[in-house]
Amino acid sequence: MTDTARDRFRTAYENRYTWDDNFPGYTTKLELRQGDEIYTANIKVNSDLSVEVTGIEDEQVAESVYNHMRDVITHRKRNSFENAHGKSSFSYGEEDSTGAVEILVKGDAMGSNYKIRGKEITQVSRVMGPMAFVINTNESLDTGEGYISTGYNAIFRDSKTNELKGKREFEESYEKFGNYYLPDRQKIEAIDKDNNTITTEFIFSETKLLEPAAVA
């Protein structure tokens, strides 16, 4: 291979779909479904990517929705490669049967390793204290300005014993508003170590971009 592992990872990292500096923020209505329970909320994501959740009286549920929206924003927030990974070094690992190439990282505080297929990151593995997790992307949306993972799973294990702690399956869809792709629906199936499943759905409607602030 004539390219370096660093170059290849950088290409895939910069191919992720993110919102640009002109992102105005947006408002949306949320219907949250979990089992027999249904909650509704008003969500506002500001241009500085701060989040406001109103309309849910249950504080625990409101906090859960807030944290979920923060996760959504984390994946769309633009961050330069040098800022995120500039201090790390990269090397090639093995290529699997699907053609995905392992990218091994040194100097990453979270012990991250990746797999790259084409120009997409298809696997992230990390160790965070007692917990190790692997995220595998199975489906993605090509926006023309980068890809968004729309089908993926996360597998959690004990970092010392490798015991399975749980698994989550994610299905997501997005819609374009103006120049920006925003979440339309997200479904999460949480499966514990005893194979019990809880399904949570986030359904967004009446989504509107905020008007950019006028420049004096």
Protein backbone atom coordinates (compact mmCIF):
# COMPACT_ATOMS: atom_id res chain seq x y z
CA MET A 1 0.00 0.00 0.00
CA THR A 2 1.37 3.39 -0.95
CA ASP A 3 -0.95 5.35 1.34
CA THR A 4 -0.28 5.49 5.06
CA ALA A 5 -2.65 4.29 7.76
CA ARG A 6 -2.84 7.88 9.01
CA ASP A 7 -3.86 9.21 5.58
CA ARG A 8 -6.45 6.52 5.11
CA PHE A 9 -7.99 7.07 8.52
CA ARG A 10 -7.97 10.83 8.02
CA THR A 11 -9.84 10.47 4.71
CA ALA A 12 -12.54 8.39 6.40
CA TYR A 13 -12.70 10.68 9.44
CA GLU A 14 -13.16 13.75 7.25
CA ASN A 15 -15.81 11.91 5.19
CA ARG A 16 -18.21 11.79 8.15
CA TYR A 17 -21.20 14.09 7.68
CA THR A 18 -21.02 17.07 10.05
CA TRP A 19 -22.75 20.42 10.31
CA ASP A 20 -20.72 23.42 9.12
CA ASP A 21 -20.05 26.68 10.96
CA ASN A 22 -23.18 28.27 9.47
CA PHE A 23 -25.50 25.73 11.12
CA PRO A 24 -28.40 27.82 12.48
CA GLY A 25 -29.87 25.28 14.88
CA TYR A 26 -33.38 23.84 14.73
CA THR A 27 -36.56 23.04 16.62
CA THR A 28 -38.47 19.78 16.51
CA LYS A 29 -41.24 17.92 18.29
CA LEU A 30 -40.34 14.56 19.77
CA GLU A 31 -42.52 11.54 20.43
CA LEU A 32 -40.64 9.11 22.63
CA ARG A 33 -41.94 5.54 22.78
CA GLN A 34 -40.63 2.95 25.19
CA GLY A 35 -42.76 -0.14 25.74
CA ASP A 36 -46.24 1.08 26.63
CA GLU A 37 -44.99 4.51 27.65
CA ILE A 38 -45.22 7.53 25.34
CA TYR A 39 -43.78 10.97 26.06
CA THR A 40 -43.82 14.13 23.97
CA ALA A 41 -41.34 16.98 24.15
CA ASN A 42 -40.20 20.12 22.39
CA ILE A 43 -36.54 20.13 21.41
CA LYS A 44 -34.43 23.14 20.51
CA VAL A 45 -30.87 22.77 19.27
CA ASN A 46 -29.22 26.17 19.20
CA SER A 47 -26.60 27.36 16.73
CA ASP A 48 -23.93 26.89 19.42
CA LEU A 49 -25.15 23.25 19.67
CA SER A 50 -26.58 23.66 23.15
CA VAL A 51 -29.84 21.75 23.73
CA GLU A 52 -33.14 22.66 25.38
CA VAL A 53 -35.76 20.00 26.25
CA THR A 54 -39.19 21.12 27.45
CA GLY A 55 -42.57 19.47 27.97
CA ILE A 56 -41.55 16.35 29.94
CA GLU A 57 -42.43 16.48 33.65
CA ASP A 58 -40.58 13.27 34.56
CA GLU A 59 -37.07 14.56 35.32
CA GLN A 60 -35.39 11.21 34.67
CA VAL A 61 -36.99 10.89 31.23
CA ALA A 62 -36.22 14.54 30.42
CA GLU A 63 -32.57 13.99 31.34
CA SER A 64 -32.47 10.83 29.22
CA VAL A 65 -33.82 12.76 26.21
CA TYR A 66 -31.32 15.56 26.82
CA ASN A 67 -28.41 13.09 26.93
CA HIS A 68 -29.68 11.39 23.76
CA MET A 69 -29.76 14.72 21.92
CA ARG A 70 -26.25 15.50 23.15
CA ASP A 71 -25.13 12.19 21.60
CA VAL A 72 -26.84 13.14 18.32
CA ILE A 73 -24.98 16.46 18.31
CA THR A 74 -21.64 14.85 19.17
CA HIS A 75 -21.80 12.89 15.90
CA ARG A 76 -22.70 15.97 13.84
CA LYS A 77 -20.29 18.42 15.50
CA ARG A 78 -17.36 19.34 13.27
CA ASN A 79 -13.90 18.83 14.76
CA SER A 80 -10.66 18.97 12.81
CA PHE A 81 -8.61 15.81 12.39
CA GLU A 82 -5.57 17.48 13.93
CA ASN A 83 -7.55 18.54 16.98
CA ALA A 84 -9.11 15.10 17.46
CA HIS A 85 -6.25 12.80 16.44
CA GLY A 86 -3.16 14.94 15.78
CA LYS A 87 -1.14 13.45 18.64
CA SER A 88 -1.90 9.82 17.75
CA SER A 89 0.07 7.49 15.51
CA PHE A 90 -1.56 4.96 13.18
CA SER A 91 -0.61 1.62 11.68
CA TYR A 92 -2.36 -1.05 9.62
CA GLY A 93 -3.69 -4.22 11.21
CA GLU A 94 -5.38 -7.07 9.37
CA GLU A 95 -7.95 -6.98 6.57
CA ASP A 96 -11.12 -8.96 7.24
CA SER A 97 -13.24 -11.01 4.84
CA THR A 98 -15.40 -7.97 3.95
CA GLY A 99 -12.40 -5.93 2.84
CA ALA A 100 -12.39 -3.73 5.96
CA VAL A 101 -8.87 -2.81 7.08
CA GLU A 102 -7.95 -2.52 10.73
CA ILE A 103 -6.39 0.78 11.82
CA LEU A 104 -4.40 0.49 15.07
CA VAL A 105 -3.93 3.67 17.11
CA LYS A 106 -1.23 4.62 19.61
CA GLY A 107 -1.52 7.70 21.80
CA ASP A 108 -5.31 7.65 22.08
CA ALA A 109 -6.49 8.18 25.67
CA MET A 110 -9.42 5.77 25.21
CA GLY A 111 -7.47 2.94 23.59
CA SER A 112 -9.38 3.24 20.32
CA ASN A 113 -8.93 1.07 17.25
CA TYR A 114 -10.91 1.23 14.01
CA LYS A 115 -11.81 -0.56 10.82
CA ILE A 116 -12.07 1.28 7.50
CA ARG A 117 -13.89 0.12 4.38
CA GLY A 118 -13.54 2.44 1.40
CA LYS A 119 -13.90 5.93 2.83
CA GLU A 120 -16.03 4.99 5.84
CA ILE A 121 -15.23 4.01 9.41
CA THR A 122 -17.10 0.73 9.86
CA GLN A 123 -15.91 -0.23 13.34
CA VAL A 124 -14.82 1.56 16.50
CA SER A 125 -13.47 -0.36 19.50
CA ARG A 126 -12.63 1.31 22.79
CA VAL A 127 -11.80 0.45 26.39
CA MET A 128 -13.07 2.81 29.07
CA GLY A 129 -12.07 1.54 32.50
CA PRO A 130 -13.98 -1.66 33.30
CA MET A 131 -16.02 -1.48 30.09
CA ALA A 132 -14.95 -2.35 26.55
CA PHE A 133 -17.22 -1.74 23.60
CA VAL A 134 -17.26 -2.29 19.85
CA ILE A 135 -19.50 -0.34 17.45
CA ASN A 136 -20.12 -1.93 14.03
CA THR A 137 -21.73 0.06 11.21
CA ASN A 138 -23.85 -2.00 8.80
CA GLU A 139 -25.68 0.70 6.81
CA SER A 140 -24.98 4.32 5.98
CA LEU A 141 -26.49 7.25 4.12
CA ASP A 142 -24.35 9.02 1.52
CA THR A 143 -25.37 12.68 1.73
CA GLY A 144 -22.96 13.83 -0.98
CA GLU A 145 -21.19 15.78 1.78
CA GLY A 146 -20.15 12.81 3.86
CA TYR A 147 -21.79 9.69 5.26
CA ILE A 148 -24.13 9.17 8.21
CA SER A 149 -24.30 5.78 9.93
CA THR A 150 -27.95 4.65 9.83
CA GLY A 151 -27.68 1.00 10.92
CA TYR A 152 -25.19 -0.06 13.57
CA ASN A 153 -24.78 -2.01 16.79
CA ALA A 154 -22.81 -1.56 19.98
CA ILE A 155 -21.54 -4.55 21.98
CA PHE A 156 -20.43 -4.03 25.60
CA ARG A 157 -18.12 -6.40 27.47
CA ASP A 158 -16.16 -6.51 30.71
CA SER A 159 -12.71 -5.26 29.72
CA LYS A 160 -10.95 -7.81 31.95
CA THR A 161 -13.08 -10.95 31.61
CA ASN A 162 -14.63 -10.27 28.17
CA GLU A 163 -18.03 -11.18 29.66
CA LEU A 164 -20.92 -9.87 27.57
CA LYS A 165 -22.67 -7.02 29.39
CA GLY A 166 -25.18 -5.97 26.76
CA LYS A 167 -25.85 -5.02 23.17
CA ARG A 168 -27.71 -2.25 21.38
CA GLU A 169 -29.07 -2.23 17.84
CA PHE A 170 -29.65 1.16 16.18
CA GLU A 171 -31.79 2.07 13.15
CA GLU A 172 -31.90 5.71 12.05
CA SER A 173 -33.32 7.82 9.23
CA TYR A 174 -32.60 11.42 8.28
CA GLU A 175 -34.27 14.16 6.27
CA LYS A 176 -32.72 17.20 4.64
CA PHE A 177 -33.91 20.63 5.78
CA GLY A 178 -32.34 23.47 3.83
CA ASN A 179 -28.66 22.57 3.66
CA TYR A 180 -28.68 20.23 6.64
CA TYR A 181 -29.57 16.62 7.36
CA LEU A 182 -31.45 16.22 10.66
CA PRO A 183 -32.72 13.10 12.44
CA ASP A 184 -36.20 11.93 11.45
CA ARG A 185 -36.49 8.67 13.42
CA GLN A 186 -34.23 6.64 15.66
CA LYS A 187 -34.93 3.17 17.02
CA ILE A 188 -32.79 1.56 19.71
CA GLU A 189 -33.10 -2.04 20.86
CA ALA A 190 -31.23 -2.55 24.14
CA ILE A 191 -30.49 -6.22 24.83
CA ASP A 192 -29.08 -7.17 28.23
CA LYS A 193 -26.83 -10.13 29.04
CA ASP A 194 -29.91 -12.28 29.75
CA ASN A 195 -31.30 -11.46 26.28
CA ASN A 196 -34.10 -9.22 27.60
CA THR A 197 -34.95 -6.48 25.09
CA ILE A 198 -36.21 -2.93 25.58
CA THR A 199 -37.11 -0.97 22.43
CA THR A 200 -37.01 2.83 22.44
CA GLU A 201 -38.13 5.00 19.51
CA PHE A 202 -37.45 8.69 18.95
CA ILE A 203 -39.82 10.09 16.32
CA PHE A 204 -39.25 13.70 15.26
CA SER A 205 -41.80 15.93 13.49
CA GLU A 206 -42.47 19.59 12.64
CA THR A 207 -38.71 20.07 12.33
CA LYS A 208 -37.65 23.59 11.33
CA LEU A 209 -34.31 25.29 10.99
CA LEU A 210 -33.85 28.39 13.11
CA GLU A 211 -33.31 31.67 11.31
CA PRO A 212 -29.64 32.67 11.31
CA ALA A 213 -28.87 35.62 13.55
CA ALA A 214 -28.77 38.89 11.61
CA VAL A 215 -25.33 40.40 11.23
CA ALA A 216 -25.31 44.08 12.13
